[in-house]
Amino acid sequence: EFLKKEPQAAKFFKHFTSGDGFIKNKMRWCLWLVDATPSEINHMPLVKKQIEKVKKFRLNSTKNATRKAAQRPTTFVEIKQPSTDYLLIPLTTSKNRYYIPIGYVSKNIIANNGASFIPSASKYIFGVITSKVHMAWMRVVSGYFGPSYRYSNTITYNNFPWPNIDEKQKEKISETAQAILDARKLYPDSSLADLYDPLTMPAELRKAHEANDKAVLQAYGLKPSASESEIVQHLFKMYEELTRKDKRNHE
């Protein structure tokens, strides 16, 4: 209806998602006016009306930062959007899922603060953070949000110890990571919520994750049969070694 009245605004509408929306494949729309010129905005009265509403809403806020943002009502209060395609990590995920449903997203999809992202992430990075190893780490160091795990950029991701491996091992993990993405594509009508429900997870996807887990465990020098407690113990030893090295380097 909006675009019927103001079709020139079409290029400024972008898909908008949260971590939960990404998992459930539920997208909304937002006006993304970062690159809109003043002249373009002035030729779109309906868009301008929305901007005026945003300004009024922000001015009535009790938060100083929001009131200050009323000076630039054409843009979001915070802009963290990558300029490239990115890997989206939902910040909250059900404890029932064994793996966080992480995936690649187009730069044209705007993510809110319910998601974290890694711009231009390689398949190797995807393979490691979607593995049993990273999930074990996440369950121990992350916080909680009701019945869900609360992923943290600073605590969960930034403190995660990565394996010291060669290119051949990286290539192997990249291959197993791609196999996970390929297995998901077999079910185009299913959301990530469907695919990662323990009761409905397809056999192909489960096998792809198991193969990826095996490759990542091997990269860490762990056996495929390693328990979650053994994985966590190994990771904390690595973390301690890394922090000791970092401390020595700054002395």
Protein backbone atom coordinates (compact mmCIF):
# COMPACT_ATOMS: atom_id res chain seq x y z
CA GLU A 1 0.00 0.00 0.00
CA PHE A 2 2.83 2.38 0.93
CA LEU A 3 4.74 1.68 -2.29
CA LYS A 4 1.63 2.03 -4.43
CA LYS A 5 1.41 5.62 -3.26
CA GLU A 6 5.17 6.25 -3.25
CA PRO A 7 6.93 3.75 -5.57
CA GLN A 8 10.17 5.75 -5.61
CA ALA A 9 10.69 4.68 -1.98
CA ALA A 10 11.06 1.01 -2.99
CA LYS A 11 14.87 1.08 -3.11
CA PHE A 12 14.99 2.25 0.51
CA PHE A 13 12.95 -0.64 1.91
CA LYS A 14 15.06 -3.49 3.23
CA HIS A 15 14.34 -6.71 5.05
CA PHE A 16 14.78 -6.36 8.81
CA THR A 17 15.33 -9.26 11.18
CA SER A 18 16.16 -10.19 14.75
CA GLY A 19 17.97 -13.31 15.90
CA ASP A 20 14.63 -14.97 16.58
CA GLY A 21 13.20 -13.77 13.28
CA PHE A 22 16.19 -15.23 11.46
CA ILE A 23 15.67 -18.63 13.11
CA LYS A 24 11.93 -18.64 12.35
CA ASN A 25 12.37 -17.16 8.86
CA LYS A 26 10.17 -14.20 9.74
CA MET A 27 11.26 -10.99 8.09
CA ARG A 28 9.90 -7.50 8.54
CA TRP A 29 10.62 -4.36 6.54
CA CYS A 30 12.38 -1.16 7.48
CA LEU A 31 13.22 2.12 5.80
CA TRP A 32 17.00 2.23 5.39
CA LEU A 33 17.84 5.82 4.53
CA VAL A 34 21.58 5.82 5.16
CA ASP A 35 22.31 6.59 1.50
CA ALA A 36 19.25 8.74 0.81
CA THR A 37 20.00 12.31 -0.23
CA PRO A 38 18.03 15.27 1.19
CA SER A 39 16.55 15.83 -2.27
CA GLU A 40 15.32 12.24 -2.52
CA ILE A 41 13.70 12.45 0.91
CA ASN A 42 11.99 15.74 0.07
CA HIS A 43 10.44 14.09 -2.98
CA MET A 44 8.94 11.32 -0.82
CA PRO A 45 6.26 12.91 1.42
CA LEU A 46 5.18 9.60 2.98
CA VAL A 47 8.76 8.75 3.89
CA LYS A 48 9.22 12.25 5.27
CA LYS A 49 6.12 11.76 7.41
CA GLN A 50 7.66 8.61 8.92
CA ILE A 51 10.87 10.51 9.63
CA GLU A 52 8.89 13.17 11.48
CA LYS A 53 7.25 10.44 13.60
CA VAL A 54 10.67 9.01 14.45
CA LYS A 55 11.94 12.44 15.48
CA LYS A 56 8.93 13.03 17.72
CA PHE A 57 9.22 9.59 19.30
CA ARG A 58 12.91 10.10 20.08
CA LEU A 59 12.38 13.57 21.53
CA ASN A 60 9.82 12.11 23.96
CA SER A 61 12.19 9.40 25.16
CA THR A 62 13.50 9.34 28.74
CA LYS A 63 16.95 8.30 27.49
CA ASN A 64 19.47 11.03 26.71
CA ALA A 65 21.06 9.04 23.88
CA THR A 66 17.68 8.54 22.20
CA ARG A 67 16.76 12.21 22.53
CA LYS A 68 20.12 13.16 21.05
CA ALA A 69 19.45 10.79 18.13
CA ALA A 70 16.40 12.90 17.27
CA GLN A 71 18.90 15.19 15.51
CA ARG A 72 19.36 12.47 12.86
CA PRO A 73 15.91 10.87 12.50
CA THR A 74 16.66 9.40 9.06
CA THR A 75 18.96 6.74 10.51
CA PHE A 76 18.86 4.12 13.25
CA VAL A 77 20.10 5.15 16.70
CA GLU A 78 22.95 2.66 16.31
CA ILE A 79 24.29 1.51 12.96
CA LYS A 80 26.41 -1.62 13.08
CA GLN A 81 25.32 -3.05 9.75
CA PRO A 82 28.17 -4.63 7.75
CA SER A 83 28.83 -3.45 4.21
CA THR A 84 29.33 -7.06 3.08
CA ASP A 85 27.36 -10.30 3.42
CA TYR A 86 27.76 -11.63 6.93
CA LEU A 87 27.40 -14.54 9.30
CA LEU A 88 24.49 -13.98 11.68
CA ILE A 89 24.56 -15.40 15.21
CA PRO A 90 21.25 -15.20 17.12
CA LEU A 91 22.04 -13.88 20.61
CA THR A 92 19.37 -15.98 22.29
CA THR A 93 18.68 -19.62 21.51
CA SER A 94 16.62 -22.34 23.15
CA LYS A 95 18.44 -24.73 25.48
CA ASN A 96 16.64 -27.55 23.65
CA ARG A 97 18.74 -27.02 20.52
CA TYR A 98 22.10 -28.72 20.42
CA TYR A 99 23.45 -26.26 17.84
CA ILE A 100 22.79 -22.53 17.57
CA PRO A 101 21.23 -21.96 14.12
CA ILE A 102 23.93 -19.74 12.62
CA GLY A 103 23.89 -18.75 8.96
CA TYR A 104 24.97 -16.46 6.16
CA VAL A 105 22.89 -13.38 5.45
CA SER A 106 22.87 -10.82 2.65
CA LYS A 107 24.23 -7.36 3.41
CA ASN A 108 20.81 -6.09 2.28
CA ILE A 109 19.13 -7.68 5.31
CA ILE A 110 19.31 -5.39 8.32
CA ALA A 111 19.87 -7.12 11.66
CA ASN A 112 18.79 -5.60 14.97
CA ASN A 113 20.56 -5.89 18.32
CA GLY A 114 19.11 -9.38 18.87
CA ALA A 115 21.81 -10.73 16.60
CA SER A 116 25.56 -10.62 16.32
CA PHE A 117 27.41 -10.84 13.04
CA ILE A 118 30.78 -11.58 11.49
CA PRO A 119 31.33 -9.70 8.20
CA SER A 120 32.81 -11.65 5.27
CA ALA A 121 33.19 -14.76 7.43
CA SER A 122 34.91 -17.73 5.80
CA LYS A 123 33.41 -21.22 5.72
CA TYR A 124 36.19 -22.22 8.14
CA ILE A 125 34.94 -19.70 10.72
CA PHE A 126 31.38 -20.90 10.20
CA GLY A 127 32.49 -24.52 10.63
CA VAL A 128 34.24 -23.88 13.93
CA ILE A 129 31.58 -21.72 15.58
CA THR A 130 28.74 -24.03 14.55
CA SER A 131 30.62 -27.06 15.90
CA LYS A 132 30.20 -29.16 19.01
CA VAL A 133 33.38 -27.54 20.34
CA HIS A 134 32.06 -23.98 20.21
CA MET A 135 28.65 -25.09 21.48
CA ALA A 136 30.28 -26.70 24.53
CA TRP A 137 32.14 -23.44 25.22
CA MET A 138 28.98 -21.39 24.68
CA ARG A 139 26.97 -23.45 27.18
CA VAL A 140 29.56 -22.90 29.91
CA VAL A 141 30.56 -19.25 29.47
CA SER A 142 27.35 -17.64 28.16
CA GLY A 143 24.63 -16.17 30.31
CA TYR A 144 20.91 -16.92 30.27
CA PHE A 145 17.84 -15.10 29.08
CA GLY A 146 14.85 -16.91 30.56
CA PRO A 147 14.87 -20.47 29.18
CA SER A 148 17.48 -19.58 26.54
CA TYR A 149 21.23 -19.23 26.28
CA ARG A 150 22.44 -15.66 25.83
CA TYR A 151 25.36 -15.51 23.40
CA SER A 152 27.83 -12.67 23.99
CA ASN A 153 30.26 -11.10 21.52
CA THR A 154 32.75 -10.20 24.21
CA ILE A 155 32.52 -13.26 26.46
CA THR A 156 31.45 -16.13 24.20
CA TYR A 157 33.12 -15.21 20.92
CA ASN A 158 36.08 -12.96 21.74
CA ASN A 159 37.39 -15.24 24.50
CA PHE A 160 36.99 -18.43 22.47
CA PRO A 161 40.37 -20.13 21.85
CA TRP A 162 40.83 -21.00 18.18
CA PRO A 163 42.89 -24.01 17.08
CA ASN A 164 46.40 -23.58 15.69
CA ILE A 165 46.09 -25.53 12.46
CA ASP A 166 47.46 -25.73 8.92
CA GLU A 167 45.74 -24.92 5.63
CA LYS A 168 44.86 -28.56 4.96
CA GLN A 169 42.86 -28.77 8.20
CA LYS A 170 41.20 -25.42 7.44
CA GLU A 171 40.17 -26.72 4.03
CA LYS A 172 38.70 -29.85 5.61
CA ILE A 173 36.60 -27.80 8.04
CA SER A 174 35.53 -25.49 5.20
CA GLU A 175 34.30 -28.56 3.30
CA THR A 176 32.34 -29.96 6.24
CA ALA A 177 30.90 -26.49 6.91
CA GLN A 178 29.71 -26.25 3.31
CA ALA A 179 28.08 -29.67 3.68
CA ILE A 180 25.97 -28.26 6.53
CA LEU A 181 24.77 -25.43 4.30
CA ASP A 182 24.07 -27.90 1.48
CA ALA A 183 22.03 -30.12 3.82
CA ARG A 184 19.90 -27.14 4.83
CA LYS A 185 19.17 -26.36 1.18
CA LEU A 186 17.52 -29.77 0.81
CA TYR A 187 14.63 -28.37 2.87
CA PRO A 188 13.85 -24.93 1.39
CA ASP A 189 10.38 -24.84 2.95
CA SER A 190 11.72 -25.39 6.48
CA SER A 191 12.90 -22.63 8.79
CA LEU A 192 16.02 -23.01 10.91
CA ALA A 193 13.65 -23.48 13.85
CA ASP A 194 12.29 -26.56 12.07
CA LEU A 195 15.69 -27.84 11.01
CA TYR A 196 17.27 -27.49 14.46
CA ASP A 197 14.38 -28.84 16.49
CA PRO A 198 15.85 -32.02 18.07
CA LEU A 199 12.66 -33.90 17.15
CA THR A 200 12.56 -32.88 13.48
CA MET A 201 16.22 -32.33 12.56
CA PRO A 202 16.74 -34.10 9.19
CA ALA A 203 19.18 -37.02 9.07
CA GLU A 204 21.26 -35.33 6.34
CA LEU A 205 21.75 -32.22 8.46
CA ARG A 206 22.56 -34.23 11.56
CA LYS A 207 25.18 -36.26 9.66
CA ALA A 208 26.70 -33.09 8.19
CA HIS A 209 27.04 -31.61 11.68
CA GLU A 210 28.57 -34.82 13.00
CA ALA A 211 31.17 -34.80 10.20
CA ASN A 212 31.93 -31.14 10.94
CA ASP A 213 32.22 -31.88 14.67
CA LYS A 214 34.71 -34.64 13.91
CA ALA A 215 36.85 -32.34 11.74
CA VAL A 216 36.86 -29.56 14.35
CA LEU A 217 37.60 -31.93 17.24
CA GLN A 218 40.54 -33.27 15.25
CA ALA A 219 41.79 -29.71 14.72
CA TYR A 220 41.87 -29.29 18.49
CA GLY A 221 43.67 -32.60 18.98
CA LEU A 222 40.60 -34.19 20.54
CA LYS A 223 39.07 -37.60 19.87
CA PRO A 224 35.71 -37.81 18.06
CA SER A 225 34.34 -39.44 21.21
CA ALA A 226 35.38 -36.53 23.48
CA SER A 227 32.67 -35.62 25.97
CA GLU A 228 31.45 -32.06 26.46
CA SER A 229 33.27 -31.83 29.80
CA GLU A 230 36.52 -32.99 28.16
CA ILE A 231 36.10 -30.41 25.42
CA VAL A 232 35.50 -27.61 27.92
CA GLN A 233 38.48 -28.69 30.03
CA HIS A 234 40.70 -28.64 26.94
CA LEU A 235 39.44 -25.20 25.89
CA PHE A 236 40.03 -23.69 29.31
CA LYS A 237 43.60 -24.99 29.28
CA MET A 238 44.09 -23.31 25.92
CA TYR A 239 42.50 -20.11 27.23
CA GLU A 240 44.81 -20.07 30.26
CA GLU A 241 47.86 -20.54 28.04
CA LEU A 242 46.76 -17.74 25.75
CA THR A 243 46.16 -15.33 28.63
CA ARG A 244 49.56 -16.18 30.14
CA LYS A 245 51.26 -15.48 26.79
CA ASP A 246 49.36 -12.24 26.43
CA LYS A 247 50.36 -11.18 29.94
CA ARG A 248 54.04 -11.92 29.24
CA ASN A 249 53.89 -9.94 26.00
CA HIS A 250 52.63 -6.89 27.90
CA GLU A 251 55.17 -7.06 30.72
